[in-house]
Protein backbone atom coordinates (compact mmCIF):
# COMPACT_ATOMS: atom_id res chain seq x y z
CA UNK A 1 13.43 7.07 -0.40
CA UNK A 2 12.62 8.49 2.68
CA UNK A 3 10.40 8.67 5.87
CA UNK A 4 7.03 11.14 5.01
CA UNK A 5 6.61 14.71 6.79
CA UNK A 6 3.83 16.51 7.21
CA UNK A 7 5.06 18.69 4.33
CA UNK A 8 4.56 15.77 2.08
CA UNK A 9 0.84 15.26 2.95
CA UNK A 10 -0.52 16.73 -0.34
CA UNK A 11 1.73 15.11 -2.99
CA UNK A 12 0.78 11.83 -0.82
CA UNK A 13 -2.75 12.50 -1.11
CA UNK A 14 -2.42 13.21 -4.92
CA UNK A 15 -0.66 9.98 -5.70
CA UNK A 16 -3.20 7.81 -3.32
CA UNK A 17 -6.20 9.44 -5.03
CA UNK A 18 -4.89 9.48 -8.50
CA UNK A 19 -3.44 5.83 -8.48
CA UNK A 20 -6.57 4.50 -6.68
CA UNK A 21 -8.76 5.79 -9.39
CA UNK A 22 -6.76 4.36 -12.16
CA UNK A 23 -6.37 1.05 -10.52
CA UNK A 24 -9.31 0.32 -8.50
CA UNK A 25 -11.95 2.78 -10.17
CA UNK A 26 -14.25 -0.21 -9.49
CA UNK A 27 -14.43 0.07 -5.83
CA UNK A 28 -15.97 2.62 -4.52
CA UNK A 29 -13.93 5.31 -2.36
CA UNK A 30 -16.63 6.15 0.59
CA UNK A 31 -15.02 9.18 1.74
CA UNK A 32 -14.56 12.71 -0.42
CA UNK A 33 -10.88 13.70 -1.45
CA UNK A 34 -11.25 16.08 1.39
CA UNK A 35 -11.50 13.36 3.71
CA UNK A 36 -8.81 11.36 2.70
CA UNK A 37 -6.15 14.35 2.69
CA UNK A 38 -7.38 14.76 6.57
CA UNK A 39 -6.74 11.35 7.11
CA UNK A 40 -3.59 11.39 5.89
CA UNK A 41 -2.68 14.36 7.61
CA UNK A 42 -4.20 13.94 10.70
CA UNK A 43 -3.82 9.76 10.87
CA UNK A 44 -1.40 8.06 8.31
CA UNK A 45 1.74 10.45 8.06
CA UNK A 46 2.04 10.77 11.92
CA UNK A 47 2.15 7.28 12.44
CA UNK A 48 5.37 7.69 11.61
CA UNK A 49 5.40 4.19 9.40
CA UNK A 50 4.63 6.06 5.96
CA UNK A 51 7.94 6.00 3.15
CA UNK A 52 7.64 7.95 0.16
CA UNK A 53 9.68 7.12 -3.26
CA UNK A 54 10.68 10.19 -5.15
CA UNK A 55 11.51 10.55 -8.88
CA UNK A 56 13.49 13.27 -8.90
CA UNK A 57 11.83 16.13 -6.70
CA UNK A 58 8.48 14.68 -7.25
CA UNK A 59 6.76 12.27 -4.91
CA UNK A 60 6.06 9.44 -7.19
CA UNK A 61 4.76 6.61 -4.56
CA UNK A 62 4.05 5.71 -0.97
CA UNK A 63 3.77 2.73 1.10
CA UNK A 64 2.40 2.54 4.93
CA UNK A 65 2.97 -0.38 7.65
CA UNK A 66 2.01 -1.15 11.16
CA UNK A 67 2.21 -3.87 13.28
CA UNK A 68 -0.34 -5.64 15.24
CA UNK A 69 -0.52 -9.45 16.27
CA UNK A 70 2.87 -10.65 15.44
CA UNK A 71 3.06 -9.54 11.86
CA UNK A 72 3.54 -6.25 9.58
CA UNK A 73 0.93 -5.35 7.61
CA UNK A 74 1.47 -3.39 4.65
CA UNK A 75 -1.85 -1.10 4.66
CA UNK A 76 -1.01 1.09 1.61
CA UNK A 77 1.28 0.81 -1.49
CA UNK A 78 0.55 3.35 -4.16
CA UNK A 79 2.11 4.49 -6.78
CA UNK A 80 1.77 7.48 -9.18
CA UNK A 81 -0.03 6.39 -12.54
CA UNK A 82 2.85 8.50 -14.42
CA UNK A 83 5.56 6.25 -12.61
CA UNK A 84 4.08 2.61 -13.31
CA UNK A 85 6.34 0.41 -14.34
CA UNK A 86 9.60 1.96 -13.14
CA UNK A 87 10.06 -0.26 -10.32
CA UNK A 88 8.96 2.19 -7.60
CA UNK A 89 6.64 -0.09 -6.21
CA UNK A 90 9.10 -2.91 -5.94
CA UNK A 91 11.18 -0.48 -4.07
CA UNK A 92 8.83 0.40 -1.37
CA UNK A 93 7.86 -3.19 -1.12
CA UNK A 94 11.31 -4.32 -0.61
CA UNK A 95 11.90 -1.78 2.24
CA UNK A 96 8.69 -2.78 4.01
CA UNK A 97 9.85 -6.59 4.07
CA UNK A 98 13.58 -5.37 5.09
CA UNK A 99 11.90 -3.59 8.18
CA UNK A 100 9.55 -6.06 8.89
CA UNK A 101 11.53 -8.81 10.32
CA UNK A 102 8.65 -10.89 10.87
CA UNK A 103 5.62 -12.14 8.35
CA UNK A 104 3.80 -9.48 6.03
CA UNK A 105 0.57 -9.60 5.27
CA UNK A 106 -2.15 -7.26 3.43
CA UNK A 107 -5.48 -6.86 2.16
CA UNK A 108 -6.27 -6.06 -1.74
CA UNK A 109 -9.26 -6.24 -3.85
CA UNK A 110 -9.83 -9.96 -5.80
CA UNK A 111 -10.64 -7.80 -8.55
CA UNK A 112 -7.19 -6.20 -8.70
CA UNK A 113 -5.34 -8.49 -10.98
CA UNK A 114 -2.76 -5.85 -11.43
CA UNK A 115 -1.84 -5.83 -7.46
CA UNK A 116 -2.23 -9.61 -7.15
CA UNK A 117 0.22 -10.55 -9.65
CA UNK A 118 2.45 -7.77 -8.00
CA UNK A 119 2.20 -9.42 -4.80
CA UNK A 120 2.70 -13.03 -6.00
CA UNK A 121 5.69 -12.04 -8.23
CA UNK A 122 7.05 -10.99 -4.82
CA UNK A 123 6.47 -14.49 -3.32
CA UNK A 124 3.30 -13.47 -1.38
CA UNK A 125 0.37 -16.27 -0.97
CA UNK A 126 -3.26 -15.94 -0.95
CA UNK A 127 -4.29 -17.46 2.23
CA UNK A 128 -7.70 -16.19 2.75
CA UNK A 129 -10.57 -14.73 0.55
CA UNK A 130 -13.32 -12.23 1.84
CA UNK A 131 -16.77 -11.43 0.35
CA UNK A 132 -16.51 -7.94 1.06
CA UNK A 133 -18.25 -7.51 4.29
CA UNK A 134 -15.49 -6.69 6.04
CA UNK A 135 -14.36 -3.73 4.21
CA UNK A 136 -16.12 -0.55 3.65
CA UNK A 137 -15.91 -0.72 -0.19
CA UNK A 138 -18.17 -3.60 -0.04
CA UNK A 139 -15.70 -5.32 -2.83
CA UNK A 140 -14.38 -9.08 -2.33
CA UNK A 141 -10.95 -9.16 -0.91
CA UNK A 142 -8.34 -11.84 -0.59
CA UNK A 143 -5.42 -11.50 2.21
CA UNK A 144 -2.08 -12.39 1.31
CA UNK A 145 1.15 -13.36 3.12
CA UNK A 146 4.82 -13.18 2.82
CA UNK A 147 5.95 -15.79 5.09
CA UNK A 148 9.01 -14.81 7.15
CA UNK A 149 11.44 -17.46 5.86
CA UNK A 150 10.80 -15.81 2.39
CA UNK A 151 11.04 -12.33 3.81
CA UNK A 152 14.81 -13.45 4.74
CA UNK A 153 15.75 -14.66 1.49
CA UNK A 154 15.98 -10.79 0.37
């Protein structure tokens, strides 16, 4: 794993788009592929908080985090569908938790049972459910939290 660079934008975009289409096809992507690539190039990667996981020379997954209101937010975690089940998501999540030094929170869609099971296996607790009015896809979501005490056990 390593920090993402601008040279990674194409591969990160591909992982994001393919993964999202595979695991969240029910949630309409509100932006074109080109707009997603532009957002990744102009905002996400320059934030400095994007990590990529490599499988050989290929980017197989990515995570993005931010800090706000005294917690770390896991904003993005995507693994290429061809790399599902290889532990890449767990390694990316462990990296975020290790760097957080505080509570970690994230949102995922209620319908994304695969992601929900993944986060719950890693100690996250559902603390709030939303009806979709606060996300652009309009899909019901769930707020997860990993208390700092649990993060410290790692």
